[in-house]
């Protein structure tokens, strides 16, 4: 499994491919990557901010009962 973690860290394989190569479920591989301090969340700050803004707008409309 450590070889799969290292291949993912280097960018050689996706999480799905690394999990398959290691013979474990993808969810377990994601946890193991976190245990090794390897970030699996790759999103630009601007993209994250847009998603947060969209979520806030959605929740505000929902709390007020607005229909879209």
N, C-alpha and C. Protein backbone atom coordinates (compact mmCIF):
# COMPACT_ATOMS: atom_id res chain seq x y z
N UNK A 1 0.81 -1.19 0.00
CA UNK A 1 0.00 0.00 0.00
C UNK A 1 0.86 1.26 0.00
N UNK A 2 1.98 1.23 0.67
CA UNK A 2 2.84 2.41 0.70
C UNK A 2 3.30 2.79 -0.70
N UNK A 3 3.51 1.80 -1.56
CA UNK A 3 3.90 2.10 -2.94
C UNK A 3 2.78 2.85 -3.67
N UNK A 4 1.54 2.46 -3.43
CA UNK A 4 0.40 3.13 -4.05
C UNK A 4 0.29 4.57 -3.54
N UNK A 5 0.50 4.77 -2.25
CA UNK A 5 0.47 6.11 -1.66
C UNK A 5 1.55 6.97 -2.30
N UNK A 6 2.73 6.41 -2.46
CA UNK A 6 3.83 7.17 -3.06
C UNK A 6 3.57 7.50 -4.52
N UNK A 7 2.99 6.56 -5.25
CA UNK A 7 2.67 6.82 -6.66
C UNK A 7 1.64 7.94 -6.78
N UNK A 8 0.65 7.95 -5.87
CA UNK A 8 -0.33 9.03 -5.88
C UNK A 8 0.34 10.36 -5.53
N UNK A 9 1.18 10.35 -4.50
CA UNK A 9 1.85 11.58 -4.07
C UNK A 9 2.66 12.19 -5.21
N UNK A 10 3.31 11.36 -6.00
CA UNK A 10 4.11 11.82 -7.14
C UNK A 10 3.26 12.30 -8.30
N UNK A 11 1.95 11.95 -8.27
CA UNK A 11 1.08 12.34 -9.37
C UNK A 11 1.06 11.33 -10.49
N UNK A 12 1.60 10.14 -10.25
CA UNK A 12 1.66 9.11 -11.29
C UNK A 12 0.31 8.46 -11.54
N UNK A 13 -0.53 8.39 -10.50
CA UNK A 13 -1.83 7.71 -10.61
C UNK A 13 -2.90 8.51 -9.88
N UNK A 14 -4.16 8.24 -10.24
CA UNK A 14 -5.30 8.84 -9.56
C UNK A 14 -5.56 8.09 -8.26
N UNK A 15 -6.46 8.62 -7.44
CA UNK A 15 -6.80 7.91 -6.21
C UNK A 15 -7.45 6.56 -6.53
N UNK A 16 -8.29 6.54 -7.55
CA UNK A 16 -8.93 5.28 -7.93
C UNK A 16 -7.93 4.24 -8.37
N UNK A 17 -6.97 4.66 -9.20
CA UNK A 17 -5.95 3.73 -9.68
C UNK A 17 -5.05 3.28 -8.54
N UNK A 18 -4.70 4.18 -7.66
CA UNK A 18 -3.85 3.82 -6.52
C UNK A 18 -4.56 2.82 -5.61
N UNK A 19 -5.85 3.04 -5.39
CA UNK A 19 -6.62 2.12 -4.55
C UNK A 19 -6.69 0.74 -5.20
N UNK A 20 -6.95 0.72 -6.49
CA UNK A 20 -7.02 -0.55 -7.20
C UNK A 20 -5.67 -1.26 -7.15
N UNK A 21 -4.61 -0.51 -7.37
CA UNK A 21 -3.25 -1.07 -7.34
C UNK A 21 -2.93 -1.65 -5.96
N UNK A 22 -3.41 -0.99 -4.90
CA UNK A 22 -3.16 -1.44 -3.54
C UNK A 22 -4.13 -2.54 -3.12
N UNK A 23 -5.21 -2.73 -3.90
CA UNK A 23 -6.19 -3.74 -3.57
C UNK A 23 -7.10 -3.38 -2.40
N UNK A 24 -7.37 -2.08 -2.26
CA UNK A 24 -8.22 -1.61 -1.17
C UNK A 24 -9.29 -0.67 -1.73
N UNK A 25 -10.39 -0.47 -0.99
CA UNK A 25 -11.40 0.49 -1.44
C UNK A 25 -10.83 1.91 -1.50
N UNK A 26 -11.35 2.69 -2.41
CA UNK A 26 -10.89 4.08 -2.57
C UNK A 26 -11.05 4.88 -1.29
N UNK A 27 -12.14 4.66 -0.56
CA UNK A 27 -12.35 5.40 0.68
C UNK A 27 -11.25 5.13 1.70
N UNK A 28 -10.80 3.88 1.76
CA UNK A 28 -9.70 3.54 2.67
C UNK A 28 -8.41 4.20 2.22
N UNK A 29 -8.17 4.20 0.91
CA UNK A 29 -6.96 4.87 0.41
C UNK A 29 -6.97 6.35 0.76
N UNK A 30 -8.13 7.01 0.61
CA UNK A 30 -8.23 8.43 0.94
C UNK A 30 -7.88 8.67 2.41
N UNK A 31 -8.34 7.79 3.29
CA UNK A 31 -8.00 7.92 4.71
C UNK A 31 -6.51 7.72 4.93
N UNK A 32 -5.94 6.75 4.25
CA UNK A 32 -4.50 6.47 4.40
C UNK A 32 -3.67 7.64 3.87
N UNK A 33 -4.11 8.25 2.77
CA UNK A 33 -3.40 9.42 2.25
C UNK A 33 -3.40 10.53 3.30
N UNK A 34 -4.54 10.73 3.93
CA UNK A 34 -4.62 11.73 5.00
C UNK A 34 -3.70 11.39 6.16
N UNK A 35 -3.63 10.10 6.50
CA UNK A 35 -2.73 9.66 7.58
C UNK A 35 -1.28 9.99 7.27
N UNK A 36 -0.94 10.01 5.98
CA UNK A 36 0.42 10.30 5.55
C UNK A 36 0.63 11.79 5.24
N UNK A 37 -0.40 12.60 5.55
CA UNK A 37 -0.28 14.04 5.34
C UNK A 37 -0.36 14.46 3.88
N UNK A 38 -0.95 13.62 3.05
CA UNK A 38 -1.06 13.92 1.63
C UNK A 38 -2.45 14.49 1.35
N UNK A 39 -2.49 15.69 0.83
CA UNK A 39 -3.75 16.38 0.56
C UNK A 39 -4.41 15.78 -0.67
N UNK A 40 -5.68 15.46 -0.56
CA UNK A 40 -6.43 14.93 -1.70
C UNK A 40 -7.45 15.94 -2.20
N UNK A 41 -7.45 17.12 -1.62
CA UNK A 41 -8.40 18.17 -1.97
C UNK A 41 -7.64 19.24 -2.75
N UNK A 42 -7.81 19.24 -4.05
CA UNK A 42 -7.06 20.15 -4.91
C UNK A 42 -8.03 21.13 -5.57
N UNK A 43 -8.19 22.29 -4.94
CA UNK A 43 -9.10 23.30 -5.46
C UNK A 43 -8.48 24.68 -5.24
N UNK A 44 -8.55 25.49 -6.28
CA UNK A 44 -8.02 26.85 -6.17
C UNK A 44 -8.85 27.65 -5.18
N UNK A 45 -8.23 28.58 -4.50
CA UNK A 45 -8.92 29.39 -3.49
C UNK A 45 -10.13 30.11 -4.09
N UNK A 46 -9.99 30.60 -5.31
CA UNK A 46 -11.09 31.33 -5.95
C UNK A 46 -12.28 30.40 -6.21
N UNK A 47 -11.99 29.17 -6.63
CA UNK A 47 -13.05 28.20 -6.88
C UNK A 47 -13.76 27.83 -5.58
N UNK A 48 -13.00 27.65 -4.53
CA UNK A 48 -13.57 27.34 -3.23
C UNK A 48 -14.45 28.49 -2.74
N UNK A 49 -13.98 29.72 -2.92
CA UNK A 49 -14.76 30.89 -2.50
C UNK A 49 -16.08 30.98 -3.26
N UNK A 50 -16.05 30.71 -4.57
CA UNK A 50 -17.28 30.71 -5.36
C UNK A 50 -18.26 29.65 -4.84
N UNK A 51 -17.74 28.46 -4.55
CA UNK A 51 -18.61 27.40 -4.04
C UNK A 51 -19.22 27.79 -2.69
N UNK A 52 -18.42 28.39 -1.83
CA UNK A 52 -18.93 28.83 -0.53
C UNK A 52 -20.00 29.91 -0.70
N UNK A 53 -19.74 30.87 -1.59
CA UNK A 53 -20.73 31.93 -1.85
C UNK A 53 -22.03 31.35 -2.39
N UNK A 54 -21.92 30.38 -3.32
CA UNK A 54 -23.11 29.73 -3.87
C UNK A 54 -23.89 29.01 -2.78
N UNK A 55 -23.18 28.32 -1.90
CA UNK A 55 -23.83 27.59 -0.81
C UNK A 55 -24.53 28.55 0.14
N UNK A 56 -23.90 29.67 0.44
CA UNK A 56 -24.52 30.66 1.34
C UNK A 56 -25.79 31.22 0.71
N UNK A 57 -25.73 31.56 -0.58
CA UNK A 57 -26.92 32.08 -1.27
C UNK A 57 -28.05 31.05 -1.26
N UNK A 58 -27.70 29.81 -1.53
CA UNK A 58 -28.69 28.74 -1.52
C UNK A 58 -29.36 28.63 -0.15
N UNK A 59 -28.56 28.62 0.89
CA UNK A 59 -29.10 28.48 2.24
C UNK A 59 -29.94 29.69 2.64
N UNK A 60 -29.52 30.88 2.24
CA UNK A 60 -30.31 32.07 2.55
C UNK A 60 -31.68 32.01 1.88
N UNK A 61 -31.71 31.59 0.61
CA UNK A 61 -32.98 31.47 -0.11
C UNK A 61 -33.84 30.39 0.52
N UNK A 62 -33.23 29.31 0.90
CA UNK A 62 -33.98 28.18 1.47
C UNK A 62 -34.57 28.56 2.83
N UNK A 63 -33.78 29.27 3.63
CA UNK A 63 -34.26 29.67 4.97
C UNK A 63 -35.42 30.65 4.87
N UNK A 64 -35.41 31.47 3.81
CA UNK A 64 -36.50 32.43 3.63
C UNK A 64 -37.69 31.80 2.93
N UNK A 65 -37.49 30.59 2.40
CA UNK A 65 -38.59 29.91 1.71
C UNK A 65 -38.72 30.34 0.26
N UNK A 66 -37.71 31.00 -0.30
CA UNK A 66 -37.73 31.41 -1.70
C UNK A 66 -37.71 30.19 -2.60
N UNK A 67 -38.46 30.22 -3.65
CA UNK A 67 -38.43 29.15 -4.65
C UNK A 67 -37.62 29.61 -5.82
N UNK A 68 -36.90 28.71 -6.37
CA UNK A 68 -36.11 29.05 -7.58
C UNK A 68 -36.57 28.22 -8.74
